[in-house]
PDB file of N, CA and C in Angstrom:
ATOM      1  N   UNK A   1       0.816  -1.189   0.000  1.00  0.00           N
ATOM      2  CA  UNK A   1       0.000   0.000   0.000  1.00  0.00           C
ATOM      3  C   UNK A   1       0.861   1.256   0.000  1.00  0.00           C
ATOM      4  N   UNK A   2       2.042   1.191   0.543  1.00  0.00           N
ATOM      5  CA  UNK A   2       2.901   2.366   0.623  1.00  0.00           C
ATOM      6  C   UNK A   2       3.229   2.902  -0.768  1.00  0.00           C
ATOM      7  N   UNK A   3       3.341   2.000  -1.755  1.00  0.00           N
ATOM      8  CA  UNK A   3       3.663   2.452  -3.119  1.00  0.00           C
ATOM      9  C   UNK A   3       2.533   3.275  -3.744  1.00  0.00           C
ATOM     10  N   UNK A   4       1.322   3.048  -3.287  1.00  0.00           N
ATOM     11  CA  UNK A   4       0.178   3.768  -3.842  1.00  0.00           C
ATOM     12  C   UNK A   4       0.062   5.197  -3.320  1.00  0.00           C
ATOM     13  N   UNK A   5       0.696   5.472  -2.215  1.00  0.00           N
ATOM     14  CA  UNK A   5       0.605   6.804  -1.625  1.00  0.00           C
ATOM     15  C   UNK A   5      -0.578   6.913  -0.687  1.00  0.00           C
ATOM     16  N   UNK A   6      -0.737   8.082  -0.093  1.00  0.00           N
ATOM     17  CA  UNK A   6      -1.809   8.268   0.885  1.00  0.00           C
ATOM     18  C   UNK A   6      -3.187   8.370   0.227  1.00  0.00           C
ATOM     19  N   UNK A   7      -4.204   8.074   1.007  1.00  0.00           N
ATOM     20  CA  UNK A   7      -5.580   8.313   0.554  1.00  0.00           C
ATOM     21  C   UNK A   7      -5.908   9.777   0.777  1.00  0.00           C
ATOM     22  N   UNK A   8      -6.500  10.386  -0.224  1.00  0.00           N
ATOM     23  CA  UNK A   8      -6.857  11.799  -0.154  1.00  0.00           C
ATOM     24  C   UNK A   8      -8.357  11.951  -0.387  1.00  0.00           C
ATOM     25  N   UNK A   9      -8.991  12.912   0.286  1.00  0.00           N
ATOM     26  CA  UNK A   9     -10.432  13.097   0.100  1.00  0.00           C
ATOM     27  C   UNK A   9     -10.754  13.772  -1.229  1.00  0.00           C
ATOM     28  N   UNK A  10     -11.821  13.324  -1.847  1.00  0.00           N
ATOM     29  CA  UNK A  10     -12.386  13.953  -3.043  1.00  0.00           C
ATOM     30  C   UNK A  10     -13.833  14.289  -2.707  1.00  0.00           C
ATOM     31  N   UNK A  11     -14.161  15.566  -2.638  1.00  0.00           N
ATOM     32  CA  UNK A  11     -15.533  15.984  -2.359  1.00  0.00           C
ATOM     33  C   UNK A  11     -16.288  16.129  -3.667  1.00  0.00           C
ATOM     34  N   UNK A  12     -17.491  15.588  -3.697  1.00  0.00           N
ATOM     35  CA  UNK A  12     -18.302  15.594  -4.912  1.00  0.00           C
ATOM     36  C   UNK A  12     -19.689  16.119  -4.562  1.00  0.00           C
ATOM     37  N   UNK A  13     -20.172  17.065  -5.335  1.00  0.00           N
ATOM     38  CA  UNK A  13     -21.534  17.578  -5.192  1.00  0.00           C
ATOM     39  C   UNK A  13     -22.360  17.013  -6.340  1.00  0.00           C
ATOM     40  N   UNK A  14     -23.414  16.272  -5.999  1.00  0.00           N
ATOM     41  CA  UNK A  14     -24.300  15.663  -6.987  1.00  0.00           C
ATOM     42  C   UNK A  14     -25.685  16.254  -6.860  1.00  0.00           C
ATOM     43  N   UNK A  15     -26.444  16.130  -7.918  1.00  0.00           N
ATOM     44  CA  UNK A  15     -27.848  16.514  -7.851  1.00  0.00           C
ATOM     45  C   UNK A  15     -28.635  15.607  -8.766  1.00  0.00           C
ATOM     46  N   UNK A  16     -29.762  15.124  -8.266  1.00  0.00           N
ATOM     47  CA  UNK A  16     -30.619  14.254  -9.044  1.00  0.00           C
ATOM     48  C   UNK A  16     -32.068  14.599  -8.823  1.00  0.00           C
ATOM     49  N   UNK A  17     -32.946  13.886  -9.534  1.00  0.00           N
ATOM     50  CA  UNK A  17     -34.360  14.209  -9.465  1.00  0.00           C
ATOM     51  C   UNK A  17     -35.229  13.069  -8.942  1.00  0.00           C
ATOM     52  N   UNK A  18     -34.619  11.899  -8.631  1.00  0.00           N
ATOM     53  CA  UNK A  18     -35.451  10.760  -8.283  1.00  0.00           C
ATOM     54  C   UNK A  18     -34.650   9.729  -7.494  1.00  0.00           C
ATOM     55  N   UNK A  19     -35.190   9.274  -6.368  1.00  0.00           N
ATOM     56  CA  UNK A  19     -34.553   8.217  -5.580  1.00  0.00           C
ATOM     57  C   UNK A  19     -34.696   6.852  -6.244  1.00  0.00           C
ATOM     58  N   UNK A  20     -35.684   6.692  -7.118  1.00  0.00           N
ATOM     59  CA  UNK A  20     -36.007   5.376  -7.649  1.00  0.00           C
ATOM     60  C   UNK A  20     -35.216   4.976  -8.879  1.00  0.00           C
ATOM     61  N   UNK A  21     -34.348   5.851  -9.359  1.00  0.00           N
ATOM     62  CA  UNK A  21     -33.475   5.486 -10.473  1.00  0.00           C
ATOM     63  C   UNK A  21     -32.148   6.195 -10.317  1.00  0.00           C
ATOM     64  N   UNK A  22     -31.124   5.625 -10.905  1.00  0.00           N
ATOM     65  CA  UNK A  22     -29.806   6.233 -10.830  1.00  0.00           C
ATOM     66  C   UNK A  22     -29.818   7.557 -11.580  1.00  0.00           C
ATOM     67  N   UNK A  23     -29.321   8.591 -10.932  1.00  0.00           N
ATOM     68  CA  UNK A  23     -29.291   9.918 -11.535  1.00  0.00           C
ATOM     69  C   UNK A  23     -27.904  10.250 -12.073  1.00  0.00           C
ATOM     70  N   UNK A  24     -26.891   9.863 -11.323  1.00  0.00           N
ATOM     71  CA  UNK A  24     -25.516  10.244 -11.617  1.00  0.00           C
ATOM     72  C   UNK A  24     -24.611   9.043 -11.370  1.00  0.00           C
ATOM     73  N   UNK A  25     -23.589   8.903 -12.200  1.00  0.00           N
ATOM     74  CA  UNK A  25     -22.545   7.903 -11.977  1.00  0.00           C
ATOM     75  C   UNK A  25     -21.283   8.606 -11.504  1.00  0.00           C
ATOM     76  N   UNK A  26     -20.599   7.999 -10.546  1.00  0.00           N
ATOM     77  CA  UNK A  26     -19.283   8.464 -10.127  1.00  0.00           C
ATOM     78  C   UNK A  26     -18.297   7.434 -10.654  1.00  0.00           C
ATOM     79  N   UNK A  27     -17.418   7.851 -11.550  1.00  0.00           N
ATOM     80  CA  UNK A  27     -16.428   6.950 -12.142  1.00  0.00           C
ATOM     81  C   UNK A  27     -15.090   7.132 -11.429  1.00  0.00           C
ATOM     82  N   UNK A  28     -14.494   6.012 -11.021  1.00  0.00           N
ATOM     83  CA  UNK A  28     -13.200   6.015 -10.343  1.00  0.00           C
ATOM     84  C   UNK A  28     -12.227   5.269 -11.248  1.00  0.00           C
ATOM     85  N   UNK A  29     -11.212   5.966 -11.723  1.00  0.00           N
ATOM     86  CA  UNK A  29     -10.270   5.403 -12.684  1.00  0.00           C
ATOM     87  C   UNK A  29      -9.662   4.107 -12.157  1.00  0.00           C
ATOM     88  N   UNK A  30      -9.739   3.062 -12.977  1.00  0.00           N
ATOM     89  CA  UNK A  30      -9.168   1.776 -12.622  1.00  0.00           C
ATOM     90  C   UNK A  30     -10.062   0.891 -11.785  1.00  0.00           C
ATOM     91  N   UNK A  31     -11.192   1.404 -11.312  1.00  0.00           N
ATOM     92  CA  UNK A  31     -12.086   0.616 -10.461  1.00  0.00           C
ATOM     93  C   UNK A  31     -13.466   0.391 -11.081  1.00  0.00           C
ATOM     94  N   UNK A  32     -13.999   1.363 -11.787  1.00  0.00           N
ATOM     95  CA  UNK A  32     -15.335   1.261 -12.337  1.00  0.00           C
ATOM     96  C   UNK A  32     -16.161   2.465 -11.936  1.00  0.00           C
ATOM     97  N   UNK A  33     -17.478   2.240 -11.758  1.00  0.00           N
ATOM     98  CA  UNK A  33     -18.312   3.366 -11.385  1.00  0.00           C
ATOM     99  C   UNK A  33     -19.335   2.961 -10.339  1.00  0.00           C
ATOM    100  N   UNK A  34     -19.853   3.977  -9.671  1.00  0.00           N
ATOM    101  CA  UNK A  34     -20.893   3.821  -8.664  1.00  0.00           C
ATOM    102  C   UNK A  34     -22.100   4.600  -9.155  1.00  0.00           C
ATOM    103  N   UNK A  35     -23.239   3.935  -9.273  1.00  0.00           N
ATOM    104  CA  UNK A  35     -24.473   4.601  -9.686  1.00  0.00           C
ATOM    105  C   UNK A  35     -25.164   5.141  -8.433  1.00  0.00           C
ATOM    106  N   UNK A  36     -25.556   6.407  -8.482  1.00  0.00           N
ATOM    107  CA  UNK A  36     -26.156   7.062  -7.326  1.00  0.00           C
ATOM    108  C   UNK A  36     -27.546   7.567  -7.683  1.00  0.00           C
ATOM    109  N   UNK A  37     -28.541   7.138  -6.922  1.00  0.00           N
ATOM    110  CA  UNK A  37     -29.892   7.663  -7.066  1.00  0.00           C
ATOM    111  C   UNK A  37     -30.136   8.644  -5.934  1.00  0.00           C
ATOM    112  N   UNK A  38     -30.459   9.863  -6.279  1.00  0.00           N
ATOM    113  CA  UNK A  38     -30.623  10.894  -5.262  1.00  0.00           C
ATOM    114  C   UNK A  38     -31.670  11.899  -5.735  1.00  0.00           C
ATOM    115  N   UNK A  39     -32.417  12.437  -4.796  1.00  0.00           N
ATOM    116  CA  UNK A  39     -33.374  13.489  -5.116  1.00  0.00           C
ATOM    117  C   UNK A  39     -32.887  14.758  -4.438  1.00  0.00           C
ATOM    118  N   UNK A  40     -32.559  15.754  -5.228  1.00  0.00           N
ATOM    119  CA  UNK A  40     -32.009  16.993  -4.697  1.00  0.00           C
ATOM    120  C   UNK A  40     -30.488  16.933  -4.646  1.00  0.00           C
ATOM    121  N   UNK A  41     -29.883  17.886  -3.983  1.00  0.00           N
ATOM    122  CA  UNK A  41     -28.412  17.924  -3.912  1.00  0.00           C
ATOM    123  C   UNK A  41     -27.878  16.958  -2.848  1.00  0.00           C
ATOM    124  N   UNK A  42     -26.669  16.478  -3.078  1.00  0.00           N
ATOM    125  CA  UNK A  42     -26.004  15.592  -2.106  1.00  0.00           C
ATOM    126  C   UNK A  42     -24.502  15.853  -2.156  1.00  0.00           C
ATOM    127  N   UNK A  43     -23.889  15.974  -0.999  1.00  0.00           N
ATOM    128  CA  UNK A  43     -22.440  16.100  -0.874  1.00  0.00           C
ATOM    129  C   UNK A  43     -21.878  14.742  -0.484  1.00  0.00           C
ATOM    130  N   UNK A  44     -20.920  14.251  -1.248  1.00  0.00           N
ATOM    131  CA  UNK A  44     -20.276  12.979  -0.942  1.00  0.00           C
ATOM    132  C   UNK A  44     -18.772  13.192  -0.813  1.00  0.00           C
ATOM    133  N   UNK A  45     -18.143  12.370  -0.018  1.00  0.00           N
ATOM    134  CA  UNK A  45     -16.678  12.411   0.088  1.00  0.00           C
ATOM    135  C   UNK A  45     -16.149  11.009  -0.191  1.00  0.00           C
ATOM    136  N   UNK A  46     -15.311  10.907  -1.212  1.00  0.00           N
ATOM    137  CA  UNK A  46     -14.623   9.666  -1.541  1.00  0.00           C
ATOM    138  C   UNK A  46     -13.176   9.792  -1.114  1.00  0.00           C
ATOM    139  N   UNK A  47     -12.591   8.694  -0.722  1.00  0.00           N
ATOM    140  CA  UNK A  47     -11.167   8.670  -0.384  1.00  0.00           C
ATOM    141  C   UNK A  47     -10.476   7.802  -1.418  1.00  0.00           C
ATOM    142  N   UNK A  48      -9.588   8.419  -2.180  1.00  0.00           N
ATOM    143  CA  UNK A  48      -8.864   7.711  -3.241  1.00  0.00           C
ATOM    144  C   UNK A  48      -7.377   8.031  -3.129  1.00  0.00           C
ATOM    145  N   UNK A  49      -6.576   7.187  -3.751  1.00  0.00           N
ATOM    146  CA  UNK A  49      -5.143   7.440  -3.756  1.00  0.00           C
ATOM    147  C   UNK A  49      -4.821   8.628  -4.658  1.00  0.00           C
ATOM    148  N   UNK A  50      -3.721   9.273  -4.374  1.00  0.00           N
ATOM    149  CA  UNK A  50      -3.268  10.418  -5.156  1.00  0.00           C
ATOM    150  C   UNK A  50      -3.172  10.026  -6.627  1.00  0.00           C
ATOM    151  N   UNK A  51      -3.563  10.930  -7.499  1.00  0.00           N
ATOM    152  CA  UNK A  51      -3.515  10.756  -8.961  1.00  0.00           C
ATOM    153  C   UNK A  51      -4.537   9.757  -9.503  1.00  0.00           C
ATOM    154  N   UNK A  52      -5.513   9.348  -8.714  1.00  0.00           N
ATOM    155  CA  UNK A  52      -6.605   8.511  -9.219  1.00  0.00           C
ATOM    156  C   UNK A  52      -7.735   9.451  -9.628  1.00  0.00           C
ATOM    157  N   UNK A  53      -8.113   9.382 -10.885  1.00  0.00           N
ATOM    158  CA  UNK A  53      -9.141  10.278 -11.401  1.00  0.00           C
ATOM    159  C   UNK A  53     -10.539   9.893 -10.933  1.00  0.00           C
ATOM    160  N   UNK A  54     -11.315  10.902 -10.554  1.00  0.00           N
ATOM    161  CA  UNK A  54     -12.716  10.721 -10.172  1.00  0.00           C
ATOM    162  C   UNK A  54     -13.537  11.714 -10.981  1.00  0.00           C
ATOM    163  N   UNK A  55     -14.518  11.200 -11.716  1.00  0.00           N
ATOM    164  CA  UNK A  55     -15.380  12.058 -12.526  1.00  0.00           C
ATOM    165  C   UNK A  55     -16.838  11.674 -12.295  1.00  0.00           C
ATOM    166  N   UNK A  56     -17.738  12.557 -12.691  1.00  0.00           N
ATOM    167  CA  UNK A  56     -19.171  12.265 -12.634  1.00  0.00           C
ATOM    168  C   UNK A  56     -19.765  12.464 -14.016  1.00  0.00           C
ATOM    169  N   UNK A  57     -20.842  11.744 -14.289  1.00  0.00           N
ATOM    170  CA  UNK A  57     -21.558  11.898 -15.554  1.00  0.00           C
ATOM    171  C   UNK A  57     -22.983  11.397 -15.363  1.00  0.00           C
ATOM    172  N   UNK A  58     -23.832  11.704 -16.316  1.00  0.00           N
ATOM    173  CA  UNK A  58     -25.216  11.229 -16.260  1.00  0.00           C
ATOM    174  C   UNK A  58     -25.214   9.701 -16.205  1.00  0.00           C
ATOM    175  N   UNK A  59     -26.162   9.134 -15.509  1.00  0.00           N
ATOM    176  CA  UNK A  59     -26.223   7.689 -15.317  1.00  0.00           C
ATOM    177  C   UNK A  59     -26.265   6.939 -16.641  1.00  0.00           C
ATOM    178  N   UNK A  60     -25.430   5.899 -16.754  1.00  0.00           N
ATOM    179  CA  UNK A  60     -25.408   5.083 -17.968  1.00  0.00           C
ATOM    180  C   UNK A  60     -26.537   4.055 -17.976  1.00  0.00           C
ATOM    181  N   UNK A  61     -26.991   3.629 -16.789  1.00  0.00           N
ATOM    182  CA  UNK A  61     -28.039   2.611 -16.697  1.00  0.00           C
ATOM    183  C   UNK A  61     -29.142   3.034 -15.727  1.00  0.00           C
ATOM    184  N   UNK A  62     -29.815   4.143 -15.994  1.00  0.00           N
ATOM    185  CA  UNK A  62     -30.819   4.618 -15.024  1.00  0.00           C
ATOM    186  C   UNK A  62     -31.999   3.666 -14.876  1.00  0.00           C
ATOM    187  N   UNK A  63     -32.352   2.947 -15.930  1.00  0.00           N
ATOM    188  CA  UNK A  63     -33.524   2.063 -15.887  1.00  0.00           C
ATOM    189  C   UNK A  63     -33.317   0.840 -15.011  1.00  0.00           C
ATOM    190  N   UNK A  64     -32.086   0.423 -14.823  1.00  0.00           N
ATOM    191  CA  UNK A  64     -31.817  -0.802 -14.076  1.00  0.00           C
ATOM    192  C   UNK A  64     -31.798  -0.586 -12.570  1.00  0.00           C
ATOM    193  N   UNK A  65     -31.871   0.646 -12.135  1.00  0.00           N
ATOM    194  CA  UNK A  65     -31.786   0.928 -10.708  1.00  0.00           C
ATOM    195  C   UNK A  65     -32.879   0.205  -9.923  1.00  0.00           C
ATOM    196  N   UNK A  66     -34.081   0.152 -10.449  1.00  0.00           N
ATOM    197  CA  UNK A  66     -35.181  -0.480  -9.706  1.00  0.00           C
ATOM    198  C   UNK A  66     -34.950  -1.978  -9.529  1.00  0.00           C
ATOM    199  N   UNK A  67     -34.259  -2.605 -10.468  1.00  0.00           N
ATOM    200  CA  UNK A  67     -33.999  -4.037 -10.361  1.00  0.00           C
ATOM    201  C   UNK A  67     -32.809  -4.327  -9.453  1.00  0.00           C
ATOM    202  N   UNK A  68     -31.873  -3.396  -9.359  1.00  0.00           N
ATOM    203  CA  UNK A  68     -30.631  -3.651  -8.633  1.00  0.00           C
ATOM    204  C   UNK A  68     -30.544  -2.956  -7.285  1.00  0.00           C
ATOM    205  N   UNK A  69     -31.347  -1.943  -7.067  1.00  0.00           N
ATOM    206  CA  UNK A  69     -31.243  -1.152  -5.853  1.00  0.00           C
ATOM    207  C   UNK A  69     -32.598  -1.037  -5.188  1.00  0.00           C
ATOM    208  N   UNK A  70     -32.587  -0.673  -3.904  1.00  0.00           N
ATOM    209  CA  UNK A  70     -33.821  -0.315  -3.244  1.00  0.00           C
ATOM    210  C   UNK A  70     -33.529   0.820  -2.272  1.00  0.00           C
ATOM    211  N   UNK A  71     -34.422   1.795  -2.206  1.00  0.00           N
ATOM    212  CA  UNK A  71     -34.212   2.908  -1.280  1.00  0.00           C
ATOM    213  C   UNK A  71     -34.076   2.396   0.148  1.00  0.00           C
ATOM    214  N   UNK A  72     -33.179   2.989   0.888  1.00  0.00           N
ATOM    215  CA  UNK A  72     -32.981   2.605   2.273  1.00  0.00           C
ATOM    216  C   UNK A  72     -32.040   1.445   2.472  1.00  0.00           C
ATOM    217  N   UNK A  73     -31.444   0.936   1.398  1.00  0.00           N
ATOM    218  CA  UNK A  73     -30.518  -0.180   1.525  1.00  0.00           C
ATOM    219  C   UNK A  73     -29.266   0.267   2.260  1.00  0.00           C
ATOM    220  N   UNK A  74     -28.792  -0.561   3.171  1.00  0.00           N
ATOM    221  CA  UNK A  74     -27.552  -0.268   3.884  1.00  0.00           C
ATOM    222  C   UNK A  74     -26.828  -1.560   4.184  1.00  0.00           C
ATOM    223  N   UNK A  75     -25.609  -1.450   4.665  1.00  0.00           N
ATOM    224  CA  UNK A  75     -24.841  -2.651   4.979  1.00  0.00           C
ATOM    225  C   UNK A  75     -25.498  -3.446   6.098  1.00  0.00           C
ATOM    226  N   UNK A  76     -26.244  -2.794   6.990  1.00  0.00           N
ATOM    227  CA  UNK A  76     -26.920  -3.542   8.053  1.00  0.00           C
ATOM    228  C   UNK A  76     -27.999  -4.440   7.458  1.00  0.00           C
ATOM    229  N   UNK A  77     -28.670  -3.994   6.380  1.00  0.00           N
ATOM    230  CA  UNK A  77     -29.652  -4.841   5.705  1.00  0.00           C
ATOM    231  C   UNK A  77     -28.958  -6.045   5.084  1.00  0.00           C
ATOM    232  N   UNK A  78     -27.787  -5.817   4.500  1.00  0.00           N
ATOM    233  CA  UNK A  78     -27.041  -6.878   3.851  1.00  0.00           C
ATOM    234  C   UNK A  78     -26.597  -7.919   4.876  1.00  0.00           C
ATOM    235  N   UNK A  79     -26.081  -7.483   6.000  1.00  0.00           N
ATOM    236  CA  UNK A  79     -25.642  -8.418   7.043  1.00  0.00           C
ATOM    237  C   UNK A  79     -26.808  -9.250   7.545  1.00  0.00           C
ATOM    238  N   UNK A  80     -27.961  -8.618   7.723  1.00  0.00           N
ATOM    239  CA  UNK A  80     -29.149  -9.339   8.176  1.00  0.00           C
ATOM    240  C   UNK A  80     -29.600 -10.338   7.122  1.00  0.00           C
ATOM    241  N   UNK A  81     -29.548  -9.952   5.856  1.00  0.00           N
ATOM    242  CA  UNK A  81     -29.964 -10.846   4.777  1.00  0.00           C
ATOM    243  C   UNK A  81     -29.056 -12.071   4.702  1.00  0.00           C
ATOM    244  N   UNK A  82     -27.777 -11.859   4.918  1.00  0.00           N
ATOM    245  CA  UNK A  82     -26.829 -12.963   4.885  1.00  0.00           C
ATOM    246  C   UNK A  82     -27.137 -13.953   6.005  1.00  0.00           C
ATOM    247  N   UNK A  83     -27.552 -13.442   7.157  1.00  0.00           N
ATOM    248  CA  UNK A  83     -27.889 -14.297   8.288  1.00  0.00           C
ATOM    249  C   UNK A  83     -29.314 -14.836   8.184  1.00  0.00           C
ATOM    250  N   UNK A  84     -30.077 -14.393   7.175  1.00  0.00           N
ATOM    251  CA  UNK A  84     -31.448 -14.854   7.005  1.00  0.00           C
ATOM    252  C   UNK A  84     -32.451 -14.133   7.868  1.00  0.00           C
ATOM    253  N   UNK A  85     -32.098 -12.947   8.352  1.00  0.00           N
ATOM    254  CA  UNK A  85     -32.993 -12.182   9.204  1.00  0.00           C
ATOM    255  C   UNK A  85     -33.161 -10.782   8.644  1.00  0.00           C
ATOM    256  N   UNK A  86     -34.313 -10.169   8.899  1.00  0.00           N
ATOM    257  CA  UNK A  86     -34.478  -8.767   8.541  1.00  0.00           C
ATOM    258  C   UNK A  86     -34.032  -7.905   9.722  1.00  0.00           C
ATOM    259  N   UNK A  87     -34.198  -6.590   9.617  1.00  0.00           N
ATOM    260  CA  UNK A  87     -33.746  -5.677  10.662  1.00  0.00           C
ATOM    261  C   UNK A  87     -34.429  -5.912  11.998  1.00  0.00           C
ATOM    262  N   UNK A  88     -35.644  -6.477  11.965  1.00  0.00           N
ATOM    263  CA  UNK A  88     -36.364  -6.737  13.221  1.00  0.00           C
ATOM    264  C   UNK A  88     -35.882  -8.018  13.891  1.00  0.00           C
ATOM    265  N   UNK A  89     -35.037  -8.789  13.184  1.00  0.00           N
ATOM    266  CA  UNK A  89     -34.529 -10.024  13.739  1.00  0.00           C
ATOM    267  C   UNK A  89     -35.343 -11.244  13.363  1.00  0.00           C
ATOM    268  N   UNK A  90     -36.433 -11.049  12.583  1.00  0.00           N
ATOM    269  CA  UNK A  90     -37.270 -12.172  12.174  1.00  0.00           C
ATOM    270  C   UNK A  90     -36.667 -12.880  10.964  1.00  0.00           C
ATOM    271  N   UNK A  91     -36.678 -14.158  10.985  1.00  0.00           N
ATOM    272  CA  UNK A  91     -36.150 -14.941   9.882  1.00  0.00           C
ATOM    273  C   UNK A  91     -37.159 -14.976   8.752  1.00  0.00           C
ATOM    274  N   UNK A  92     -36.661 -14.681   7.527  1.00  0.00           N
ATOM    275  CA  UNK A  92     -37.476 -14.826   6.324  1.00  0.00           C
ATOM    276  C   UNK A  92     -38.618 -13.862   6.158  1.00  0.00           C
ATOM    277  N   UNK A  93     -38.654 -12.746   6.884  1.00  0.00           N
ATOM    278  CA  UNK A  93     -39.736 -11.776   6.697  1.00  0.00           C
ATOM    279  C   UNK A  93     -39.221 -10.598   5.896  1.00  0.00           C
ATOM    280  N   UNK A  94     -40.040 -10.084   5.015  1.00  0.00           N
ATOM    281  CA  UNK A  94     -39.695  -8.893   4.215  1.00  0.00           C
ATOM    282  C   UNK A  94     -40.893  -8.016   4.063  1.00  0.00           C
TER     283      UNK A  94
END
């Protein structure tokens, strides 16, 4: 990791019109992109290595957001799903 240099913050201001579809993509050079669905303005901070390019552009796949994403998704939902429980602790309920 030392060869890559330090992680530096990249602040990004996004704006979108709908939570239910991807509005903006954040592209990170060498890694790919992150599709972001947002309604209104949003400030994000990414931490990337020095000289790694970060750009934004209109969403390349806005229609697929409903199939791949759901509003309110978080890592706690993912951990619960892996264990077979929802946030309330009930097995198999959605």
